[in-house]
N, C-alpha and C. Protein backbone atom coordinates (compact mmCIF):
# COMPACT_ATOMS: atom_id res chain seq x y z
N UNK A 1 0.91 -1.16 0.10
CA UNK A 1 0.04 0.04 0.02
C UNK A 1 0.90 1.32 -0.03
N UNK A 2 2.04 1.25 0.78
CA UNK A 2 2.87 2.33 0.69
C UNK A 2 3.98 2.24 -0.32
N UNK A 3 4.28 1.01 -0.94
CA UNK A 3 5.35 0.83 -1.62
C UNK A 3 5.22 1.76 -2.99
N UNK A 4 4.26 1.73 -3.67
CA UNK A 4 4.19 2.50 -4.93
C UNK A 4 4.38 4.09 -4.67
N UNK A 5 3.44 4.72 -3.81
CA UNK A 5 3.78 6.16 -3.52
C UNK A 5 5.22 6.45 -2.97
N UNK A 6 5.81 5.60 -2.29
CA UNK A 6 7.09 5.86 -1.64
C UNK A 6 8.07 5.71 -2.74
N UNK A 7 8.11 4.98 -3.59
CA UNK A 7 9.02 4.92 -4.78
C UNK A 7 8.74 5.86 -5.79
N UNK A 8 7.66 6.42 -5.88
CA UNK A 8 7.44 7.73 -6.78
C UNK A 8 8.03 8.83 -6.05
N UNK A 9 7.84 8.99 -4.82
CA UNK A 9 8.33 10.20 -3.98
C UNK A 9 9.88 10.07 -3.94
N UNK A 10 10.36 8.74 -3.65
CA UNK A 10 11.70 8.67 -3.19
C UNK A 10 12.30 7.49 -4.18
N UNK A 11 12.68 7.89 -5.41
CA UNK A 11 13.10 6.78 -6.35
C UNK A 11 14.37 5.98 -5.92
N UNK A 12 15.33 6.60 -5.09
CA UNK A 12 16.33 5.71 -4.73
C UNK A 12 16.17 4.87 -3.42
N UNK A 13 15.03 4.91 -2.97
CA UNK A 13 14.65 4.03 -1.87
C UNK A 13 15.16 2.70 -2.13
N UNK A 14 15.67 2.09 -0.89
CA UNK A 14 15.94 0.62 -0.70
C UNK A 14 14.68 0.14 -0.13
N UNK A 15 13.83 -0.65 -0.75
CA UNK A 15 12.63 -0.91 -0.16
C UNK A 15 12.46 -2.35 0.04
N UNK A 16 11.48 -2.79 0.81
CA UNK A 16 10.96 -4.01 1.20
C UNK A 16 12.12 -4.72 1.78
N UNK A 17 12.43 -4.32 2.97
CA UNK A 17 13.36 -5.04 3.77
C UNK A 17 14.79 -4.77 3.63
N UNK A 18 15.17 -3.62 3.98
CA UNK A 18 16.64 -3.17 3.79
C UNK A 18 17.36 -3.56 5.10
N UNK A 19 18.42 -4.51 4.98
CA UNK A 19 19.22 -4.89 6.12
C UNK A 19 20.14 -3.81 6.51
N UNK A 20 20.00 -3.35 7.69
CA UNK A 20 20.95 -2.17 8.25
C UNK A 20 22.00 -2.43 9.13
N UNK A 21 21.92 -3.64 9.81
CA UNK A 21 22.86 -3.87 10.76
C UNK A 21 23.37 -5.35 10.83
N UNK A 22 24.10 -5.54 9.70
CA UNK A 22 24.74 -6.97 9.67
C UNK A 22 25.71 -7.04 10.89
N UNK A 23 25.85 -8.15 11.48
CA UNK A 23 25.41 -9.40 11.19
C UNK A 23 24.02 -9.81 11.90
N UNK A 24 23.44 -8.78 12.52
CA UNK A 24 22.03 -8.98 13.02
C UNK A 24 21.15 -9.11 11.61
N UNK A 25 19.93 -9.64 12.02
CA UNK A 25 18.99 -9.63 10.81
C UNK A 25 18.08 -8.53 10.76
N UNK A 26 18.20 -7.52 11.57
CA UNK A 26 17.13 -6.50 11.55
C UNK A 26 17.16 -5.87 10.06
N UNK A 27 15.96 -5.43 9.76
CA UNK A 27 15.63 -4.94 8.42
C UNK A 27 14.66 -3.68 8.64
N UNK A 28 14.78 -2.56 7.81
CA UNK A 28 13.92 -1.45 7.70
C UNK A 28 13.03 -1.90 6.59
N UNK A 29 11.78 -1.46 6.82
CA UNK A 29 10.65 -1.64 5.54
C UNK A 29 11.23 -0.91 4.36
N UNK A 30 11.69 0.41 4.63
CA UNK A 30 12.14 1.18 3.51
C UNK A 30 13.42 1.94 4.26
N UNK A 31 14.49 2.30 3.30
CA UNK A 31 15.58 3.03 3.73
C UNK A 31 16.26 3.79 2.69
N UNK A 32 16.89 4.85 3.02
CA UNK A 32 17.57 5.63 2.14
C UNK A 32 18.93 5.75 2.79
N UNK A 33 19.72 4.78 2.64
CA UNK A 33 21.21 4.75 3.39
C UNK A 33 21.99 5.98 3.15
N UNK A 34 21.97 6.66 2.08
CA UNK A 34 22.67 7.87 1.95
C UNK A 34 22.33 8.89 2.78
N UNK A 35 21.20 9.04 3.29
CA UNK A 35 20.60 9.96 4.13
C UNK A 35 20.19 9.50 5.57
N UNK A 36 20.65 8.15 5.75
CA UNK A 36 20.37 7.56 7.07
C UNK A 36 19.02 7.78 7.54
N UNK A 37 18.06 7.62 6.68
CA UNK A 37 16.63 7.79 6.95
C UNK A 37 15.93 6.55 6.49
N UNK A 38 15.08 6.12 7.48
CA UNK A 38 14.38 4.71 7.50
C UNK A 38 12.99 4.89 7.79
N UNK A 39 12.19 4.04 7.18
CA UNK A 39 10.64 3.97 7.40
C UNK A 39 10.26 2.70 7.88
N UNK A 40 9.50 2.53 8.86
CA UNK A 40 8.97 1.28 9.43
C UNK A 40 7.50 1.35 9.43
N UNK A 41 6.76 0.26 9.07
CA UNK A 41 5.39 0.40 9.06
C UNK A 41 4.87 -0.74 10.09
N UNK A 42 4.21 -0.26 11.08
CA UNK A 42 3.85 -1.23 12.09
C UNK A 42 2.38 -1.77 11.84
N UNK A 43 2.29 -3.04 11.57
CA UNK A 43 1.11 -3.72 11.17
C UNK A 43 0.29 -4.23 12.46
N UNK A 44 -0.83 -4.53 12.34
CA UNK A 44 -1.57 -5.20 13.50
C UNK A 44 -1.83 -4.20 14.69
N UNK A 45 -1.83 -2.96 14.46
CA UNK A 45 -2.00 -2.13 15.47
C UNK A 45 -3.23 -2.26 16.47
N UNK A 46 -4.37 -2.60 15.88
CA UNK A 46 -5.50 -2.73 16.58
C UNK A 46 -5.90 -4.12 17.02
N UNK A 47 -5.12 -5.05 16.39
CA UNK A 47 -5.56 -6.61 16.59
C UNK A 47 -4.52 -7.44 17.22
N UNK A 48 -3.83 -6.85 18.13
CA UNK A 48 -2.65 -7.30 19.02
C UNK A 48 -1.68 -8.06 18.09
N UNK A 49 -1.14 -7.36 17.20
CA UNK A 49 -0.08 -7.98 16.17
C UNK A 49 1.18 -7.86 16.95
N UNK A 50 2.16 -8.41 16.32
CA UNK A 50 3.60 -8.62 16.81
C UNK A 50 4.11 -7.50 17.48
N UNK A 51 3.90 -6.25 16.96
CA UNK A 51 4.41 -5.11 17.52
C UNK A 51 3.64 -4.67 18.95
N UNK A 52 2.62 -5.13 19.16
CA UNK A 52 1.95 -4.79 20.39
C UNK A 52 1.99 -5.79 21.56
N UNK A 53 2.71 -6.85 21.24
CA UNK A 53 2.93 -7.93 22.35
C UNK A 53 4.29 -7.60 23.06
N UNK A 54 4.42 -8.18 24.16
CA UNK A 54 5.59 -7.98 24.99
C UNK A 54 6.85 -8.29 24.24
N UNK A 55 7.07 -9.46 23.72
CA UNK A 55 8.42 -9.93 23.07
C UNK A 55 8.53 -9.03 21.79
N UNK A 56 7.40 -8.69 20.95
CA UNK A 56 7.52 -7.90 19.75
C UNK A 56 8.02 -6.46 20.10
N UNK A 57 7.41 -5.94 21.11
CA UNK A 57 7.84 -4.58 21.65
C UNK A 57 9.29 -4.54 21.99
N UNK A 58 9.61 -5.50 22.81
CA UNK A 58 11.21 -5.58 23.32
C UNK A 58 12.02 -5.70 22.08
N UNK A 59 11.70 -6.56 20.94
CA UNK A 59 12.50 -6.68 19.89
C UNK A 59 12.56 -5.22 19.02
N UNK A 60 11.43 -4.70 18.97
CA UNK A 60 11.34 -3.39 18.31
C UNK A 60 12.25 -2.34 18.99
N UNK A 61 12.19 -2.37 20.22
CA UNK A 61 13.06 -1.28 21.12
C UNK A 61 14.44 -1.59 20.86
N UNK A 62 14.88 -2.93 20.79
CA UNK A 62 16.32 -3.22 20.67
C UNK A 62 16.79 -2.70 19.30
N UNK A 63 15.97 -2.95 18.22
CA UNK A 63 16.07 -2.69 16.93
C UNK A 63 16.30 -1.05 16.77
N UNK A 64 15.27 -0.37 17.36
CA UNK A 64 15.23 0.93 17.17
C UNK A 64 16.37 1.75 17.99
N UNK A 65 16.80 1.12 18.99
CA UNK A 65 17.94 1.69 19.86
C UNK A 65 19.25 1.49 19.06
N UNK A 66 19.44 0.27 18.22
CA UNK A 66 20.57 0.09 17.62
C UNK A 66 20.62 0.94 16.30
N UNK A 67 19.48 1.13 15.90
CA UNK A 67 19.50 2.12 14.68
C UNK A 67 19.90 3.57 15.05
N UNK A 68 19.32 4.03 16.18
CA UNK A 68 19.60 5.31 16.63
C UNK A 68 21.09 5.50 17.01
N UNK A 69 21.69 4.42 17.76
CA UNK A 69 23.09 4.53 18.01
C UNK A 69 23.91 4.49 16.79
N UNK A 70 23.43 3.87 15.77
CA UNK A 70 24.23 3.82 14.35
C UNK A 70 23.98 5.05 13.50
N UNK A 71 23.08 6.03 14.07
CA UNK A 71 22.95 7.31 13.40
C UNK A 71 21.74 7.34 12.51
N UNK A 72 20.94 6.47 12.45
CA UNK A 72 19.59 6.31 11.65
C UNK A 72 18.65 7.13 12.23
N UNK A 73 17.76 7.87 11.43
CA UNK A 73 16.47 8.43 11.84
C UNK A 73 15.42 7.53 11.27
N UNK A 74 14.57 7.16 12.12
CA UNK A 74 13.46 6.20 11.77
C UNK A 74 12.13 6.82 12.02
N UNK A 75 11.34 6.85 10.98
CA UNK A 75 10.00 7.25 11.10
C UNK A 75 9.07 5.97 11.13
N UNK A 76 8.20 5.90 12.06
CA UNK A 76 7.25 4.75 12.29
C UNK A 76 5.89 5.06 11.93
N UNK A 77 5.10 4.30 11.24
CA UNK A 77 3.85 4.55 10.94
C UNK A 77 2.91 3.49 11.03
N UNK A 78 1.66 3.63 11.39
CA UNK A 78 0.55 2.57 11.23
C UNK A 78 -0.13 2.74 9.92
N UNK A 79 -1.08 1.75 9.69
CA UNK A 79 -1.74 1.73 8.54
C UNK A 79 -2.75 2.97 8.43
N UNK A 80 -3.05 3.45 9.56
CA UNK A 80 -3.87 4.77 9.44
C UNK A 80 -3.10 5.95 9.00
N UNK A 81 -1.87 6.02 9.34
CA UNK A 81 -0.91 7.10 8.88
C UNK A 81 -0.90 6.98 7.44
N UNK A 82 -0.60 5.78 6.94
CA UNK A 82 -0.56 5.54 5.46
C UNK A 82 -1.78 5.95 4.69
N UNK A 83 -2.91 5.44 5.21
CA UNK A 83 -4.16 5.77 4.58
C UNK A 83 -4.43 7.37 4.43
N UNK A 84 -4.25 7.89 5.54
CA UNK A 84 -4.54 9.32 5.59
C UNK A 84 -3.74 10.24 4.73
N UNK A 85 -2.54 9.73 4.33
CA UNK A 85 -1.44 10.57 3.60
C UNK A 85 -0.32 11.09 4.55
N UNK A 86 -0.77 11.00 5.87
CA UNK A 86 0.17 11.52 6.89
C UNK A 86 1.62 10.97 6.64
N UNK A 87 1.77 9.72 6.40
CA UNK A 87 3.07 8.99 6.26
C UNK A 87 3.93 9.65 5.17
N UNK A 88 3.18 9.86 3.91
CA UNK A 88 3.99 10.38 2.82
C UNK A 88 4.39 11.85 3.11
N UNK A 89 3.52 12.54 3.71
CA UNK A 89 3.80 14.09 4.07
C UNK A 89 5.15 14.15 5.01
N UNK A 90 5.12 13.18 6.03
CA UNK A 90 6.25 13.20 6.89
C UNK A 90 7.55 12.75 6.24
N UNK A 91 7.54 11.76 5.33
CA UNK A 91 8.59 11.32 4.59
C UNK A 91 9.10 12.38 3.84
N UNK A 92 8.25 13.05 2.97
CA UNK A 92 8.67 14.15 2.18
C UNK A 92 9.43 15.30 2.91
N UNK A 93 8.86 15.61 4.15
CA UNK A 93 9.37 16.62 5.10
C UNK A 93 10.92 16.18 5.47
N UNK A 94 10.91 15.02 5.97
CA UNK A 94 12.23 14.31 6.20
C UNK A 94 13.14 14.35 5.24
N UNK A 95 12.89 13.97 3.95
CA UNK A 95 13.65 14.00 2.81
C UNK A 95 14.11 15.52 2.51
N UNK A 96 13.23 16.45 2.72
CA UNK A 96 13.82 17.88 2.41
C UNK A 96 14.76 18.27 3.28
N UNK A 97 14.50 17.88 4.68
CA UNK A 97 15.39 18.23 5.68
C UNK A 97 16.79 17.63 5.62
N UNK A 98 16.81 16.36 5.17
CA UNK A 98 18.20 15.59 4.86
C UNK A 98 18.77 16.20 3.64
N UNK A 99 18.05 16.57 2.61
CA UNK A 99 18.60 17.15 1.43
C UNK A 99 19.29 18.37 1.82
N UNK A 100 18.70 19.31 2.68
CA UNK A 100 19.42 20.46 3.23
C UNK A 100 20.68 20.12 3.93
N UNK A 101 20.78 19.06 4.65
CA UNK A 101 22.00 18.95 5.43
C UNK A 101 22.97 17.92 4.74
N UNK A 102 22.55 17.10 3.81
CA UNK A 102 23.56 16.22 3.27
C UNK A 102 23.71 16.44 1.74
N UNK A 103 22.83 17.34 1.22
CA UNK A 103 22.94 17.42 -0.26
C UNK A 103 21.93 16.42 -0.98
N UNK A 104 21.73 16.52 -2.27
CA UNK A 104 20.82 15.59 -2.91
C UNK A 104 21.25 14.24 -2.98
């Protein structure tokens, strides 16, 4: 659902499972490594999906902390953010900000 719009907005995206921390198996849903910007889409928000249970929350926290320590900026969204367009708006804003600080 987000893949096509994000690739149009962000043609150099490394999408659908970009591995950011070898040898760990952690992956971002979408990433722009040159700008250290990543996007995560949390599924199952209202149905007690993996991200809402203890073990899943713990694993997500470990992953996000490792990403932050490595210098990544990670935007996290739910399905509702995607459907409303808020996700694309924030991604676009983040890309503009990183363009200013890192160049195109």
